[in-house]
Amino acid sequence: MHALRADLGIAAVLSFFVPEDFNAGRIEPVLPDWSLGMLNIYAMYPQRRFLPAKVRLFMDALRAGFGGESDKDPWWPRGL
């Protein structure tokens, strides 16, 4: 990320690492139609029947923060 921010080349970077850099104009996408593909994130917990409230809240926060089951990248700049 330091090299990318210093304008020393291009990099394939996960989108959730760069929204502030993109919005500030420090970086810009060069291949907007190219993608590494979607990555899945899994959370494992012991059981579902009596799920503690703190685990349920954490799971809800993960879904909200990482876009749920959508195929759209929530961190990729809109309009690109």
C-alpha atoms as a PDB file:
ATOM      1  CA  MET A   1       0.000   0.000   0.000  1.00  0.00           C
ATOM      2  CA  HIS A   2       2.891   2.380   0.691  1.00  0.00           C
ATOM      3  CA  ALA A   3       4.273   1.831  -2.817  1.00  0.00           C
ATOM      4  CA  LEU A   4       0.826   2.227  -4.348  1.00  0.00           C
ATOM      5  CA  ARG A   5       0.218   5.471  -2.474  1.00  0.00           C
ATOM      6  CA  ALA A   6       3.671   6.694  -3.523  1.00  0.00           C
ATOM      7  CA  ASP A   7       2.667   6.238  -7.189  1.00  0.00           C
ATOM      8  CA  LEU A   8       5.267   3.515  -7.772  1.00  0.00           C
ATOM      9  CA  GLY A   9       3.088   1.206  -9.861  1.00  0.00           C
ATOM     10  CA  ILE A  10      -0.188  -0.683  -9.942  1.00  0.00           C
ATOM     11  CA  ALA A  11      -1.526  -3.321  -7.590  1.00  0.00           C
ATOM     12  CA  ALA A  12      -4.434  -5.700  -7.163  1.00  0.00           C
ATOM     13  CA  VAL A  13      -5.824  -4.593  -3.796  1.00  0.00           C
ATOM     14  CA  LEU A  14      -8.945  -5.675  -1.942  1.00  0.00           C
ATOM     15  CA  SER A  15     -11.467  -2.870  -2.295  1.00  0.00           C
ATOM     16  CA  PHE A  16     -12.166  -2.482   1.428  1.00  0.00           C
ATOM     17  CA  PHE A  17      -8.530  -1.410   1.986  1.00  0.00           C
ATOM     18  CA  VAL A  18      -8.721   1.649  -0.281  1.00  0.00           C
ATOM     19  CA  PRO A  19     -11.982   3.671  -0.136  1.00  0.00           C
ATOM     20  CA  GLU A  20     -10.356   6.591   1.727  1.00  0.00           C
ATOM     21  CA  ASP A  21      -7.390   6.623  -0.661  1.00  0.00           C
ATOM     22  CA  PHE A  22      -9.683   6.543  -3.681  1.00  0.00           C
ATOM     23  CA  ASN A  23     -11.970   9.280  -2.342  1.00  0.00           C
ATOM     24  CA  ALA A  24      -8.951  11.459  -1.506  1.00  0.00           C
ATOM     25  CA  GLY A  25      -7.570  11.027  -5.037  1.00  0.00           C
ATOM     26  CA  ARG A  26      -4.369   9.272  -3.931  1.00  0.00           C
ATOM     27  CA  ILE A  27      -5.137   6.219  -6.089  1.00  0.00           C
ATOM     28  CA  GLU A  28      -7.316   5.518  -9.106  1.00  0.00           C
ATOM     29  CA  PRO A  29      -8.529   2.346 -10.815  1.00  0.00           C
ATOM     30  CA  VAL A  30      -6.729   1.508 -14.059  1.00  0.00           C
ATOM     31  CA  LEU A  31      -8.552  -1.688 -15.094  1.00  0.00           C
ATOM     32  CA  PRO A  32     -12.149  -1.157 -13.887  1.00  0.00           C
ATOM     33  CA  ASP A  33     -13.577  -4.047 -15.943  1.00  0.00           C
ATOM     34  CA  TRP A  34     -11.072  -6.590 -14.601  1.00  0.00           C
ATOM     35  CA  SER A  35     -11.597  -8.479 -11.346  1.00  0.00           C
ATOM     36  CA  LEU A  36      -9.941 -11.171  -9.263  1.00  0.00           C
ATOM     37  CA  GLY A  37     -13.427 -12.496  -8.581  1.00  0.00           C
ATOM     38  CA  MET A  38     -15.553 -12.480  -5.473  1.00  0.00           C
ATOM     39  CA  LEU A  39     -14.243 -13.815  -2.180  1.00  0.00           C
ATOM     40  CA  ASN A  40     -16.472 -15.405   0.429  1.00  0.00           C
ATOM     41  CA  ILE A  41     -16.211 -14.797   4.141  1.00  0.00           C
ATOM     42  CA  TYR A  42     -17.479 -17.453   6.519  1.00  0.00           C
ATOM     43  CA  ALA A  43     -18.156 -17.187  10.233  1.00  0.00           C
ATOM     44  CA  MET A  44     -18.304 -20.333  12.324  1.00  0.00           C
ATOM     45  CA  TYR A  45     -20.058 -20.648  15.644  1.00  0.00           C
ATOM     46  CA  PRO A  46     -21.001 -23.667  17.795  1.00  0.00           C
ATOM     47  CA  GLN A  47     -24.753 -23.919  17.298  1.00  0.00           C
ATOM     48  CA  ARG A  48     -27.755 -22.052  15.996  1.00  0.00           C
ATOM     49  CA  ARG A  49     -30.521 -23.036  18.434  1.00  0.00           C
ATOM     50  CA  PHE A  50     -29.627 -20.840  21.418  1.00  0.00           C
ATOM     51  CA  LEU A  51     -27.389 -18.292  19.741  1.00  0.00           C
ATOM     52  CA  PRO A  52     -26.177 -15.654  22.231  1.00  0.00           C
ATOM     53  CA  ALA A  53     -27.252 -12.097  21.461  1.00  0.00           C
ATOM     54  CA  LYS A  54     -23.647 -10.919  21.122  1.00  0.00           C
ATOM     55  CA  VAL A  55     -22.963 -13.556  18.454  1.00  0.00           C
ATOM     56  CA  ARG A  56     -26.140 -12.630  16.565  1.00  0.00           C
ATOM     57  CA  LEU A  57     -25.187  -8.929  16.702  1.00  0.00           C
ATOM     58  CA  PHE A  58     -21.697  -9.733  15.439  1.00  0.00           C
ATOM     59  CA  MET A  59     -23.121 -11.793  12.563  1.00  0.00           C
ATOM     60  CA  ASP A  60     -25.523  -8.972  11.658  1.00  0.00           C
ATOM     61  CA  ALA A  61     -22.622  -6.492  11.683  1.00  0.00           C
ATOM     62  CA  LEU A  62     -20.625  -8.769   9.350  1.00  0.00           C
ATOM     63  CA  ARG A  63     -23.556  -9.023   6.948  1.00  0.00           C
ATOM     64  CA  ALA A  64     -24.089  -5.260   6.988  1.00  0.00           C
ATOM     65  CA  GLY A  65     -20.410  -4.436   6.615  1.00  0.00           C
ATOM     66  CA  PHE A  66     -19.552  -6.972   3.949  1.00  0.00           C
ATOM     67  CA  GLY A  67     -22.662  -6.667   1.839  1.00  0.00           C
ATOM     68  CA  GLY A  68     -24.651  -9.714   2.915  1.00  0.00           C
ATOM     69  CA  GLU A  69     -25.185 -12.173   0.071  1.00  0.00           C
ATOM     70  CA  SER A  70     -25.033  -9.567  -2.671  1.00  0.00           C
ATOM     71  CA  ASP A  71     -22.754  -9.942  -5.661  1.00  0.00           C
ATOM     72  CA  LYS A  72     -21.966  -6.203  -5.599  1.00  0.00           C
ATOM     73  CA  ASP A  73     -18.822  -4.979  -3.912  1.00  0.00           C
ATOM     74  CA  PRO A  74     -19.929  -2.472  -1.245  1.00  0.00           C
ATOM     75  CA  TRP A  75     -16.537  -0.686  -1.220  1.00  0.00           C
ATOM     76  CA  TRP A  76     -16.054  -0.265  -4.962  1.00  0.00           C
ATOM     77  CA  PRO A  77     -16.700   3.348  -6.000  1.00  0.00           C
ATOM     78  CA  ARG A  78     -20.167   3.815  -7.484  1.00  0.00           C
ATOM     79  CA  GLY A  79     -20.348   4.652 -11.160  1.00  0.00           C
ATOM     80  CA  LEU A  80     -17.176   2.828 -12.215  1.00  0.00           C
END
